[in-house]
Amino acid sequence: KFLSQLRLYFPLLIIFSLMGCSKEKSPETSGFVQDDTLCQFHLGY
C-alpha cells in the first residue's frame, strides 16, 4: 500500500527536487545602497 501511494506522489517529489536544480539565481544583495551624502575620502576632501 505504501509503495502504491508513493507511486502517486513520486512525480511531485521529482518536480520539487528539480526546482532546487533550476538555473542559478542571481547573487543576493545585502541591501547596501550607496549613500551619496557620505564623505568619500578616496575622491578627496
ModelCIF file with pLDDT and N, C-alpha, C, O atoms, coordinates in Angstrom:
data_MODEL
#
_entry.id   MODEL 
#
_entity.id                         1 
_entity.type                       polymer 
_entity.pdbx_number_of_molecules   1 
#
_entity_poly.entity_id                      1 
_entity_poly.type                           'polypeptide(L)' 
_entity_poly.nstd_linkage                   no 
_entity_poly.nstd_monomer                   no 
_entity_poly.pdbx_seq_one_letter_code       KFLSQLRLYFPLLIIFSLMGCSKEKSPETSGFVQDDTLCQFHLGY 
_entity_poly.pdbx_seq_one_letter_code_can   KFLSQLRLYFPLLIIFSLMGCSKEKSPETSGFVQDDTLCQFHLGY 
_entity_poly.pdbx_strand_id                 A 
#
loop_
_entity_poly_seq.entity_id 
_entity_poly_seq.num 
_entity_poly_seq.mon_id 
_entity_poly_seq.hetero 
1 1  LYS n 
1 2  PHE n 
1 3  LEU n 
1 4  SER n 
1 5  GLN n 
1 6  LEU n 
1 7  ARG n 
1 8  LEU n 
1 9  TYR n 
1 10 PHE n 
1 11 PRO n 
1 12 LEU n 
1 13 LEU n 
1 14 ILE n 
1 15 ILE n 
1 16 PHE n 
1 17 SER n 
1 18 LEU n 
1 19 MET n 
1 20 GLY n 
1 21 CYS n 
1 22 SER n 
1 23 LYS n 
1 24 GLU n 
1 25 LYS n 
1 26 SER n 
1 27 PRO n 
1 28 GLU n 
1 29 THR n 
1 30 SER n 
1 31 GLY n 
1 32 PHE n 
1 33 VAL n 
1 34 GLN n 
1 35 ASP n 
1 36 ASP n 
1 37 THR n 
1 38 LEU n 
1 39 CYS n 
1 40 GLN n 
1 41 PHE n 
1 42 HIS n 
1 43 LEU n 
1 44 GLY n 
1 45 TYR n 
#
_struct_asym.id          A 
_struct_asym.entity_id   1 
#
loop_
_ma_qa_metric.id 
_ma_qa_metric.mode 
_ma_qa_metric.name 
_ma_qa_metric.software_group_id 
_ma_qa_metric.type 
1 global pLDDT . pLDDT 
2 local  pLDDT . pLDDT 
#
_ma_qa_metric_global.metric_id      1 
_ma_qa_metric_global.metric_value   60.71 
_ma_qa_metric_global.model_id       1 
_ma_qa_metric_global.ordinal_id     1 
#
loop_
_ma_qa_metric_local.label_asym_id 
_ma_qa_metric_local.label_comp_id 
_ma_qa_metric_local.label_seq_id 
_ma_qa_metric_local.metric_id 
_ma_qa_metric_local.metric_value 
_ma_qa_metric_local.model_id 
_ma_qa_metric_local.ordinal_id 
A LYS 1  2 62.00 1 1  
A PHE 2  2 54.00 1 2  
A LEU 3  2 55.00 1 3  
A SER 4  2 61.00 1 4  
A GLN 5  2 61.00 1 5  
A LEU 6  2 53.00 1 6  
A ARG 7  2 63.00 1 7  
A LEU 8  2 59.00 1 8  
A TYR 9  2 57.00 1 9  
A PHE 10 2 56.00 1 10 
A PRO 11 2 57.00 1 11 
A LEU 12 2 50.00 1 12 
A LEU 13 2 47.00 1 13 
A ILE 14 2 51.00 1 14 
A ILE 15 2 51.00 1 15 
A PHE 16 2 46.00 1 16 
A SER 17 2 48.00 1 17 
A LEU 18 2 46.00 1 18 
A MET 19 2 45.00 1 19 
A GLY 20 2 43.00 1 20 
A CYS 21 2 42.00 1 21 
A SER 22 2 41.00 1 22 
A LYS 23 2 44.00 1 23 
A GLU 24 2 44.00 1 24 
A LYS 25 2 41.00 1 25 
A SER 26 2 41.00 1 26 
A PRO 27 2 41.00 1 27 
A GLU 28 2 43.00 1 28 
A THR 29 2 43.00 1 29 
A SER 30 2 49.00 1 30 
A GLY 31 2 52.00 1 31 
A PHE 32 2 52.00 1 32 
A VAL 33 2 58.00 1 33 
A GLN 34 2 67.00 1 34 
A ASP 35 2 80.00 1 35 
A ASP 36 2 81.00 1 36 
A THR 37 2 89.00 1 37 
A LEU 38 2 94.00 1 38 
A CYS 39 2 95.00 1 39 
A GLN 40 2 95.00 1 40 
A PHE 41 2 95.00 1 41 
A HIS 42 2 94.00 1 42 
A LEU 43 2 94.00 1 43 
A GLY 44 2 95.00 1 44 
A TYR 45 2 97.00 1 45 
#
loop_
_atom_site.group_PDB 
_atom_site.id 
_atom_site.type_symbol 
_atom_site.label_atom_id 
_atom_site.label_alt_id 
_atom_site.label_comp_id 
_atom_site.label_asym_id 
_atom_site.label_entity_id 
_atom_site.label_seq_id 
_atom_site.pdbx_PDB_ins_code 
_atom_site.Cartn_x 
_atom_site.Cartn_y 
_atom_site.Cartn_z 
_atom_site.occupancy 
_atom_site.B_iso_or_equiv 
_atom_site.pdbx_formal_charge 
_atom_site.auth_seq_id 
_atom_site.auth_comp_id 
_atom_site.auth_asym_id 
_atom_site.auth_atom_id 
_atom_site.pdbx_PDB_model_num 
ATOM 1   N N  . LYS A 1 1  ? 0.841  -1.200 0.000   1.00 62.00 ? 1  LYS A N  1 
ATOM 2   C CA . LYS A 1 1  ? 0.000  0.000  0.000   1.00 62.00 ? 1  LYS A CA 1 
ATOM 3   C C  . LYS A 1 1  ? 0.875  1.250  0.000   1.00 62.00 ? 1  LYS A C  1 
ATOM 4   O O  . LYS A 1 1  ? 0.592  2.216  -0.709  1.00 62.00 ? 1  LYS A O  1 
ATOM 5   N N  . PHE A 1 2  ? 1.918  1.224  0.783   1.00 54.00 ? 2  PHE A N  1 
ATOM 6   C CA . PHE A 1 2  ? 2.844  2.360  0.859   1.00 54.00 ? 2  PHE A CA 1 
ATOM 7   C C  . PHE A 1 2  ? 3.505  2.620  -0.494  1.00 54.00 ? 2  PHE A C  1 
ATOM 8   O O  . PHE A 1 2  ? 3.626  3.767  -0.923  1.00 54.00 ? 2  PHE A O  1 
ATOM 9   N N  . LEU A 1 3  ? 3.934  1.538  -1.166  1.00 55.00 ? 3  LEU A N  1 
ATOM 10  C CA . LEU A 1 3  ? 4.578  1.691  -2.474  1.00 55.00 ? 3  LEU A CA 1 
ATOM 11  C C  . LEU A 1 3  ? 3.606  2.221  -3.522  1.00 55.00 ? 3  LEU A C  1 
ATOM 12  O O  . LEU A 1 3  ? 4.001  3.008  -4.383  1.00 55.00 ? 3  LEU A O  1 
ATOM 13  N N  . SER A 1 4  ? 2.366  1.811  -3.466  1.00 61.00 ? 4  SER A N  1 
ATOM 14  C CA . SER A 1 4  ? 1.395  2.317  -4.452  1.00 61.00 ? 4  SER A CA 1 
ATOM 15  C C  . SER A 1 4  ? 1.107  3.797  -4.202  1.00 61.00 ? 4  SER A C  1 
ATOM 16  O O  . SER A 1 4  ? 0.914  4.555  -5.153  1.00 61.00 ? 4  SER A O  1 
ATOM 17  N N  . GLN A 1 5  ? 1.077  4.213  -2.949  1.00 61.00 ? 5  GLN A N  1 
ATOM 18  C CA . GLN A 1 5  ? 0.885  5.632  -2.649  1.00 61.00 ? 5  GLN A CA 1 
ATOM 19  C C  . GLN A 1 5  ? 2.112  6.440  -3.043  1.00 61.00 ? 5  GLN A C  1 
ATOM 20  O O  . GLN A 1 5  ? 2.004  7.572  -3.513  1.00 61.00 ? 5  GLN A O  1 
ATOM 21  N N  . LEU A 1 6  ? 3.251  5.856  -2.848  1.00 53.00 ? 6  LEU A N  1 
ATOM 22  C CA . LEU A 1 6  ? 4.493  6.534  -3.222  1.00 53.00 ? 6  LEU A CA 1 
ATOM 23  C C  . LEU A 1 6  ? 4.539  6.778  -4.715  1.00 53.00 ? 6  LEU A C  1 
ATOM 24  O O  . LEU A 1 6  ? 5.021  7.821  -5.156  1.00 53.00 ? 6  LEU A O  1 
ATOM 25  N N  . ARG A 1 7  ? 4.037  5.813  -5.518  1.00 63.00 ? 7  ARG A N  1 
ATOM 26  C CA . ARG A 1 7  ? 3.994  5.988  -6.978  1.00 63.00 ? 7  ARG A CA 1 
ATOM 27  C C  . ARG A 1 7  ? 3.141  7.183  -7.367  1.00 63.00 ? 7  ARG A C  1 
ATOM 28  O O  . ARG A 1 7  ? 3.439  7.877  -8.339  1.00 63.00 ? 7  ARG A O  1 
ATOM 29  N N  . LEU A 1 8  ? 2.076  7.423  -6.605  1.00 59.00 ? 8  LEU A N  1 
ATOM 30  C CA . LEU A 1 8  ? 1.202  8.565  -6.893  1.00 59.00 ? 8  LEU A CA 1 
ATOM 31  C C  . LEU A 1 8  ? 1.917  9.905  -6.616  1.00 59.00 ? 8  LEU A C  1 
ATOM 32  O O  . LEU A 1 8  ? 1.732  10.876 -7.350  1.00 59.00 ? 8  LEU A O  1 
ATOM 33  N N  . TYR A 1 9  ? 2.706  9.941  -5.583  1.00 57.00 ? 9  TYR A N  1 
ATOM 34  C CA . TYR A 1 9  ? 3.377  11.191 -5.188  1.00 57.00 ? 9  TYR A CA 1 
ATOM 35  C C  . TYR A 1 9  ? 4.781  11.332 -5.764  1.00 57.00 ? 9  TYR A C  1 
ATOM 36  O O  . TYR A 1 9  ? 5.403  12.388 -5.649  1.00 57.00 ? 9  TYR A O  1 
ATOM 37  N N  . PHE A 1 10 ? 5.270  10.276 -6.375  1.00 56.00 ? 10 PHE A N  1 
ATOM 38  C CA . PHE A 1 10 ? 6.626  10.295 -6.923  1.00 56.00 ? 10 PHE A CA 1 
ATOM 39  C C  . PHE A 1 10 ? 6.849  11.432 -7.926  1.00 56.00 ? 10 PHE A C  1 
ATOM 40  O O  . PHE A 1 10 ? 7.873  12.110 -7.841  1.00 56.00 ? 10 PHE A O  1 
ATOM 41  N N  . PRO A 1 11 ? 5.929  11.671 -8.876  1.00 57.00 ? 11 PRO A N  1 
ATOM 42  C CA . PRO A 1 11 ? 6.149  12.791 -9.802  1.00 57.00 ? 11 PRO A CA 1 
ATOM 43  C C  . PRO A 1 11 ? 6.256  14.140 -9.086  1.00 57.00 ? 11 PRO A C  1 
ATOM 44  O O  . PRO A 1 11 ? 7.045  14.991 -9.496  1.00 57.00 ? 11 PRO A O  1 
ATOM 45  N N  . LEU A 1 12 ? 5.480  14.342 -8.032  1.00 50.00 ? 12 LEU A N  1 
ATOM 46  C CA . LEU A 1 12 ? 5.574  15.589 -7.264  1.00 50.00 ? 12 LEU A CA 1 
ATOM 47  C C  . LEU A 1 12 ? 6.919  15.719 -6.562  1.00 50.00 ? 12 LEU A C  1 
ATOM 48  O O  . LEU A 1 12 ? 7.514  16.796 -6.539  1.00 50.00 ? 12 LEU A O  1 
ATOM 49  N N  . LEU A 1 13 ? 7.387  14.627 -5.997  1.00 47.00 ? 13 LEU A N  1 
ATOM 50  C CA . LEU A 1 13 ? 8.692  14.645 -5.342  1.00 47.00 ? 13 LEU A CA 1 
ATOM 51  C C  . LEU A 1 13 ? 9.806  14.996 -6.336  1.00 47.00 ? 13 LEU A C  1 
ATOM 52  O O  . LEU A 1 13 ? 10.720 15.752 -6.009  1.00 47.00 ? 13 LEU A O  1 
ATOM 53  N N  . ILE A 1 14 ? 9.724  14.443 -7.546  1.00 51.00 ? 14 ILE A N  1 
ATOM 54  C CA . ILE A 1 14 ? 10.725 14.733 -8.578  1.00 51.00 ? 14 ILE A CA 1 
ATOM 55  C C  . ILE A 1 14 ? 10.675 16.219 -8.946  1.00 51.00 ? 14 ILE A C  1 
ATOM 56  O O  . ILE A 1 14 ? 11.715 16.869 -9.054  1.00 51.00 ? 14 ILE A O  1 
ATOM 57  N N  . ILE A 1 15 ? 9.473  16.751 -9.137  1.00 51.00 ? 15 ILE A N  1 
ATOM 58  C CA . ILE A 1 15 ? 9.331  18.159 -9.521  1.00 51.00 ? 15 ILE A CA 1 
ATOM 59  C C  . ILE A 1 15 ? 9.914  19.070 -8.444  1.00 51.00 ? 15 ILE A C  1 
ATOM 60  O O  . ILE A 1 15 ? 10.657 20.002 -8.752  1.00 51.00 ? 15 ILE A O  1 
ATOM 61  N N  . PHE A 1 16 ? 9.579  18.801 -7.174  1.00 46.00 ? 16 PHE A N  1 
ATOM 62  C CA . PHE A 1 16 ? 10.104 19.637 -6.096  1.00 46.00 ? 16 PHE A CA 1 
ATOM 63  C C  . PHE A 1 16 ? 11.615 19.535 -5.973  1.00 46.00 ? 16 PHE A C  1 
ATOM 64  O O  . PHE A 1 16 ? 12.283 20.532 -5.702  1.00 46.00 ? 16 PHE A O  1 
ATOM 65  N N  . SER A 1 17 ? 12.153 18.356 -6.166  1.00 48.00 ? 17 SER A N  1 
ATOM 66  C CA . SER A 1 17 ? 13.605 18.210 -6.066  1.00 48.00 ? 17 SER A CA 1 
ATOM 67  C C  . SER A 1 17 ? 14.313 18.884 -7.230  1.00 48.00 ? 17 SER A C  1 
ATOM 68  O O  . SER A 1 17 ? 15.414 19.410 -7.064  1.00 48.00 ? 17 SER A O  1 
ATOM 69  N N  . LEU A 1 18 ? 13.690 18.875 -8.421  1.00 46.00 ? 18 LEU A N  1 
ATOM 70  C CA . LEU A 1 18 ? 14.301 19.539 -9.571  1.00 46.00 ? 18 LEU A CA 1 
ATOM 71  C C  . LEU A 1 18 ? 14.212 21.062 -9.482  1.00 46.00 ? 18 LEU A C  1 
ATOM 72  O O  . LEU A 1 18 ? 15.010 21.767 -10.099 1.00 46.00 ? 18 LEU A O  1 
ATOM 73  N N  . MET A 1 19 ? 13.259 21.563 -8.728  1.00 45.00 ? 19 MET A N  1 
ATOM 74  C CA . MET A 1 19 ? 13.147 23.010 -8.568  1.00 45.00 ? 19 MET A CA 1 
ATOM 75  C C  . MET A 1 19 ? 14.407 23.575 -7.937  1.00 45.00 ? 19 MET A C  1 
ATOM 76  O O  . MET A 1 19 ? 14.807 24.697 -8.246  1.00 45.00 ? 19 MET A O  1 
ATOM 77  N N  . GLY A 1 20 ? 15.023 22.825 -7.074  1.00 43.00 ? 20 GLY A N  1 
ATOM 78  C CA . GLY A 1 20 ? 16.280 23.262 -6.472  1.00 43.00 ? 20 GLY A CA 1 
ATOM 79  C C  . GLY A 1 20 ? 17.430 23.224 -7.454  1.00 43.00 ? 20 GLY A C  1 
ATOM 80  O O  . GLY A 1 20 ? 18.474 23.823 -7.195  1.00 43.00 ? 20 GLY A O  1 
ATOM 81  N N  . CYS A 1 21 ? 17.273 22.536 -8.575  1.00 42.00 ? 21 CYS A N  1 
ATOM 82  C CA . CYS A 1 21 ? 18.318 22.435 -9.579  1.00 42.00 ? 21 CYS A CA 1 
ATOM 83  C C  . CYS A 1 21 ? 18.073 23.375 -10.754 1.00 42.00 ? 21 CYS A C  1 
ATOM 84  O O  . CYS A 1 21 ? 18.702 23.237 -11.803 1.00 42.00 ? 21 CYS A O  1 
ATOM 85  N N  . SER A 1 22 ? 17.184 24.305 -10.587 1.00 41.00 ? 22 SER A N  1 
ATOM 86  C CA . SER A 1 22 ? 16.898 25.235 -11.681 1.00 41.00 ? 22 SER A CA 1 
ATOM 87  C C  . SER A 1 22 ? 18.083 26.160 -11.907 1.00 41.00 ? 22 SER A C  1 
ATOM 88  O O  . SER A 1 22 ? 19.096 26.058 -11.216 1.00 41.00 ? 22 SER A O  1 
ATOM 89  N N  . LYS A 1 23 ? 17.956 27.056 -12.868 1.00 44.00 ? 23 LYS A N  1 
ATOM 90  C CA . LYS A 1 23 ? 19.039 27.984 -13.194 1.00 44.00 ? 23 LYS A CA 1 
ATOM 91  C C  . LYS A 1 23 ? 19.563 28.663 -11.941 1.00 44.00 ? 23 LYS A C  1 
ATOM 92  O O  . LYS A 1 23 ? 18.854 28.822 -10.947 1.00 44.00 ? 23 LYS A O  1 
ATOM 93  N N  . GLU A 1 24 ? 20.829 29.056 -12.019 1.00 44.00 ? 24 GLU A N  1 
ATOM 94  C CA . GLU A 1 24 ? 21.405 29.769 -10.882 1.00 44.00 ? 24 GLU A CA 1 
ATOM 95  C C  . GLU A 1 24 ? 20.654 31.053 -10.657 1.00 44.00 ? 24 GLU A C  1 
ATOM 96  O O  . GLU A 1 24 ? 20.311 31.777 -11.592 1.00 44.00 ? 24 GLU A O  1 
ATOM 97  N N  . LYS A 1 25 ? 20.406 31.316 -9.396  1.00 41.00 ? 25 LYS A N  1 
ATOM 98  C CA . LYS A 1 25 ? 19.757 32.565 -9.055  1.00 41.00 ? 25 LYS A CA 1 
ATOM 99  C C  . LYS A 1 25 ? 20.818 33.655 -9.033  1.00 41.00 ? 25 LYS A C  1 
ATOM 100 O O  . LYS A 1 25 ? 21.997 33.386 -8.805  1.00 41.00 ? 25 LYS A O  1 
ATOM 101 N N  . SER A 1 26 ? 20.390 34.877 -9.270  1.00 41.00 ? 26 SER A N  1 
ATOM 102 C CA . SER A 1 26 ? 21.346 35.982 -9.188  1.00 41.00 ? 26 SER A CA 1 
ATOM 103 C C  . SER A 1 26 ? 21.787 36.115 -7.741  1.00 41.00 ? 26 SER A C  1 
ATOM 104 O O  . SER A 1 26 ? 21.023 35.802 -6.828  1.00 41.00 ? 26 SER A O  1 
ATOM 105 N N  . PRO A 1 27 ? 23.004 36.573 -7.526  1.00 41.00 ? 27 PRO A N  1 
ATOM 106 C CA . PRO A 1 27 ? 23.506 36.662 -6.158  1.00 41.00 ? 27 PRO A CA 1 
ATOM 107 C C  . PRO A 1 27 ? 22.625 37.589 -5.323  1.00 41.00 ? 27 PRO A C  1 
ATOM 108 O O  . PRO A 1 27 ? 22.131 38.614 -5.794  1.00 41.00 ? 27 PRO A O  1 
ATOM 109 N N  . GLU A 1 28 ? 22.457 37.196 -4.099  1.00 43.00 ? 28 GLU A N  1 
ATOM 110 C CA . GLU A 1 28 ? 21.675 38.016 -3.179  1.00 43.00 ? 28 GLU A CA 1 
ATOM 111 C C  . GLU A 1 28 ? 22.420 39.318 -2.911  1.00 43.00 ? 28 GLU A C  1 
ATOM 112 O O  . GLU A 1 28 ? 23.643 39.324 -2.778  1.00 43.00 ? 28 GLU A O  1 
ATOM 113 N N  . THR A 1 29 ? 21.694 40.395 -2.834  1.00 43.00 ? 29 THR A N  1 
ATOM 114 C CA . THR A 1 29 ? 22.313 41.666 -2.466  1.00 43.00 ? 29 THR A CA 1 
ATOM 115 C C  . THR A 1 29 ? 22.136 41.861 -0.982  1.00 43.00 ? 29 THR A C  1 
ATOM 116 O O  . THR A 1 29 ? 21.177 41.365 -0.390  1.00 43.00 ? 29 THR A O  1 
ATOM 117 N N  . SER A 1 30 ? 23.045 42.572 -0.389  1.00 49.00 ? 30 SER A N  1 
ATOM 118 C CA . SER A 1 30 ? 22.994 42.773 1.052   1.00 49.00 ? 30 SER A CA 1 
ATOM 119 C C  . SER A 1 30 ? 22.065 43.904 1.431   1.00 49.00 ? 30 SER A C  1 
ATOM 120 O O  . SER A 1 30 ? 21.915 44.203 2.616   1.00 49.00 ? 30 SER A O  1 
ATOM 121 N N  . GLY A 1 31 ? 21.436 44.542 0.457   1.00 52.00 ? 31 GLY A N  1 
ATOM 122 C CA . GLY A 1 31 ? 20.581 45.661 0.775   1.00 52.00 ? 31 GLY A CA 1 
ATOM 123 C C  . GLY A 1 31 ? 21.369 46.959 0.879   1.00 52.00 ? 31 GLY A C  1 
ATOM 124 O O  . GLY A 1 31 ? 20.799 48.005 1.189   1.00 52.00 ? 31 GLY A O  1 
ATOM 125 N N  . PHE A 1 32 ? 22.663 46.905 0.624   1.00 52.00 ? 32 PHE A N  1 
ATOM 126 C CA . PHE A 1 32 ? 23.512 48.087 0.719   1.00 52.00 ? 32 PHE A CA 1 
ATOM 127 C C  . PHE A 1 32 ? 23.224 49.013 -0.448  1.00 52.00 ? 32 PHE A C  1 
ATOM 128 O O  . PHE A 1 32 ? 23.277 48.616 -1.612  1.00 52.00 ? 32 PHE A O  1 
ATOM 129 N N  . VAL A 1 33 ? 22.921 50.242 -0.113  1.00 58.00 ? 33 VAL A N  1 
ATOM 130 C CA . VAL A 1 33 ? 22.694 51.268 -1.116  1.00 58.00 ? 33 VAL A CA 1 
ATOM 131 C C  . VAL A 1 33 ? 23.714 52.370 -0.863  1.00 58.00 ? 33 VAL A C  1 
ATOM 132 O O  . VAL A 1 33 ? 23.849 52.859 0.259   1.00 58.00 ? 33 VAL A O  1 
ATOM 133 N N  . GLN A 1 34 ? 24.421 52.751 -1.901  1.00 67.00 ? 34 GLN A N  1 
ATOM 134 C CA . GLN A 1 34 ? 25.434 53.796 -1.760  1.00 67.00 ? 34 GLN A CA 1 
ATOM 135 C C  . GLN A 1 34 ? 24.763 55.096 -1.336  1.00 67.00 ? 34 GLN A C  1 
ATOM 136 O O  . GLN A 1 34 ? 23.845 55.569 -2.006  1.00 67.00 ? 34 GLN A O  1 
ATOM 137 N N  . ASP A 1 35 ? 25.211 55.668 -0.238  1.00 80.00 ? 35 ASP A N  1 
ATOM 138 C CA . ASP A 1 35 ? 24.678 56.929 0.272   1.00 80.00 ? 35 ASP A CA 1 
ATOM 139 C C  . ASP A 1 35 ? 25.588 58.054 -0.195  1.00 80.00 ? 35 ASP A C  1 
ATOM 140 O O  . ASP A 1 35 ? 26.715 58.189 0.281   1.00 80.00 ? 35 ASP A O  1 
ATOM 141 N N  . ASP A 1 36 ? 25.097 58.858 -1.126  1.00 81.00 ? 36 ASP A N  1 
ATOM 142 C CA . ASP A 1 36 ? 25.918 59.927 -1.700  1.00 81.00 ? 36 ASP A CA 1 
ATOM 143 C C  . ASP A 1 36 ? 26.127 61.101 -0.753  1.00 81.00 ? 36 ASP A C  1 
ATOM 144 O O  . ASP A 1 36 ? 26.900 62.009 -1.060  1.00 81.00 ? 36 ASP A O  1 
ATOM 145 N N  . THR A 1 37 ? 25.450 61.100 0.395   1.00 89.00 ? 37 THR A N  1 
ATOM 146 C CA . THR A 1 37 ? 25.658 62.187 1.356   1.00 89.00 ? 37 THR A CA 1 
ATOM 147 C C  . THR A 1 37 ? 26.887 61.933 2.228   1.00 89.00 ? 37 THR A C  1 
ATOM 148 O O  . THR A 1 37 ? 27.340 62.831 2.938   1.00 89.00 ? 37 THR A O  1 
ATOM 149 N N  . LEU A 1 38 ? 27.425 60.717 2.179   1.00 94.00 ? 38 LEU A N  1 
ATOM 150 C CA . LEU A 1 38 ? 28.604 60.389 2.985   1.00 94.00 ? 38 LEU A CA 1 
ATOM 151 C C  . LEU A 1 38 ? 29.870 60.875 2.298   1.00 94.00 ? 38 LEU A C  1 
ATOM 152 O O  . LEU A 1 38 ? 29.964 60.877 1.070   1.00 94.00 ? 38 LEU A O  1 
ATOM 153 N N  . CYS A 1 39 ? 30.828 61.281 3.095   1.00 95.00 ? 39 CYS A N  1 
ATOM 154 C CA . CYS A 1 39 ? 32.127 61.688 2.554   1.00 95.00 ? 39 CYS A CA 1 
ATOM 155 C C  . CYS A 1 39 ? 32.795 60.492 1.895   1.00 95.00 ? 39 CYS A C  1 
ATOM 156 O O  . CYS A 1 39 ? 32.775 59.382 2.428   1.00 95.00 ? 39 CYS A O  1 
ATOM 157 N N  . GLN A 1 40 ? 33.381 60.730 0.741   1.00 95.00 ? 40 GLN A N  1 
ATOM 158 C CA . GLN A 1 40 ? 34.142 59.702 0.015   1.00 95.00 ? 40 GLN A CA 1 
ATOM 159 C C  . GLN A 1 40 ? 35.593 60.180 -0.056  1.00 95.00 ? 40 GLN A C  1 
ATOM 160 O O  . GLN A 1 40 ? 35.989 60.839 -1.018  1.00 95.00 ? 40 GLN A O  1 
ATOM 161 N N  . PHE A 1 41 ? 36.374 59.849 0.956   1.00 95.00 ? 41 PHE A N  1 
ATOM 162 C CA . PHE A 1 41 ? 37.722 60.397 1.077   1.00 95.00 ? 41 PHE A CA 1 
ATOM 163 C C  . PHE A 1 41 ? 38.652 59.940 -0.043  1.00 95.00 ? 41 PHE A C  1 
ATOM 164 O O  . PHE A 1 41 ? 39.632 60.622 -0.343  1.00 95.00 ? 41 PHE A O  1 
ATOM 165 N N  . HIS A 1 42 ? 38.362 58.801 -0.663  1.00 94.00 ? 42 HIS A N  1 
ATOM 166 C CA . HIS A 1 42 ? 39.206 58.368 -1.783  1.00 94.00 ? 42 HIS A CA 1 
ATOM 167 C C  . HIS A 1 42 ? 39.071 59.334 -2.969  1.00 94.00 ? 42 HIS A C  1 
ATOM 168 O O  . HIS A 1 42 ? 39.910 59.334 -3.870  1.00 94.00 ? 42 HIS A O  1 
ATOM 169 N N  . LEU A 1 43 ? 38.018 60.154 -2.965  1.00 94.00 ? 43 LEU A N  1 
ATOM 170 C CA . LEU A 1 43 ? 37.838 61.162 -4.018  1.00 94.00 ? 43 LEU A CA 1 
ATOM 171 C C  . LEU A 1 43 ? 38.446 62.512 -3.636  1.00 94.00 ? 43 LEU A C  1 
ATOM 172 O O  . LEU A 1 43 ? 38.552 63.409 -4.471  1.00 94.00 ? 43 LEU A O  1 
ATOM 173 N N  . GLY A 1 44 ? 38.842 62.650 -2.375  1.00 95.00 ? 44 GLY A N  1 
ATOM 174 C CA . GLY A 1 44 ? 39.448 63.904 -1.910  1.00 95.00 ? 44 GLY A CA 1 
ATOM 175 C C  . GLY A 1 44 ? 38.721 64.450 -0.694  1.00 95.00 ? 44 GLY A C  1 
ATOM 176 O O  . GLY A 1 44 ? 37.979 63.738 -0.018  1.00 95.00 ? 44 GLY A O  1 
ATOM 177 N N  . TYR A 1 45 ? 38.951 65.720 -0.434  1.00 97.00 ? 45 TYR A N  1 
ATOM 178 C CA . TYR A 1 45 ? 38.359 66.375 0.724   1.00 97.00 ? 45 TYR A CA 1 
ATOM 179 C C  . TYR A 1 45 ? 36.834 66.396 0.629   1.00 97.00 ? 45 TYR A C  1 
ATOM 180 O O  . TYR A 1 45 ? 36.167 66.913 1.524   1.00 97.00 ? 45 TYR A O  1 
#
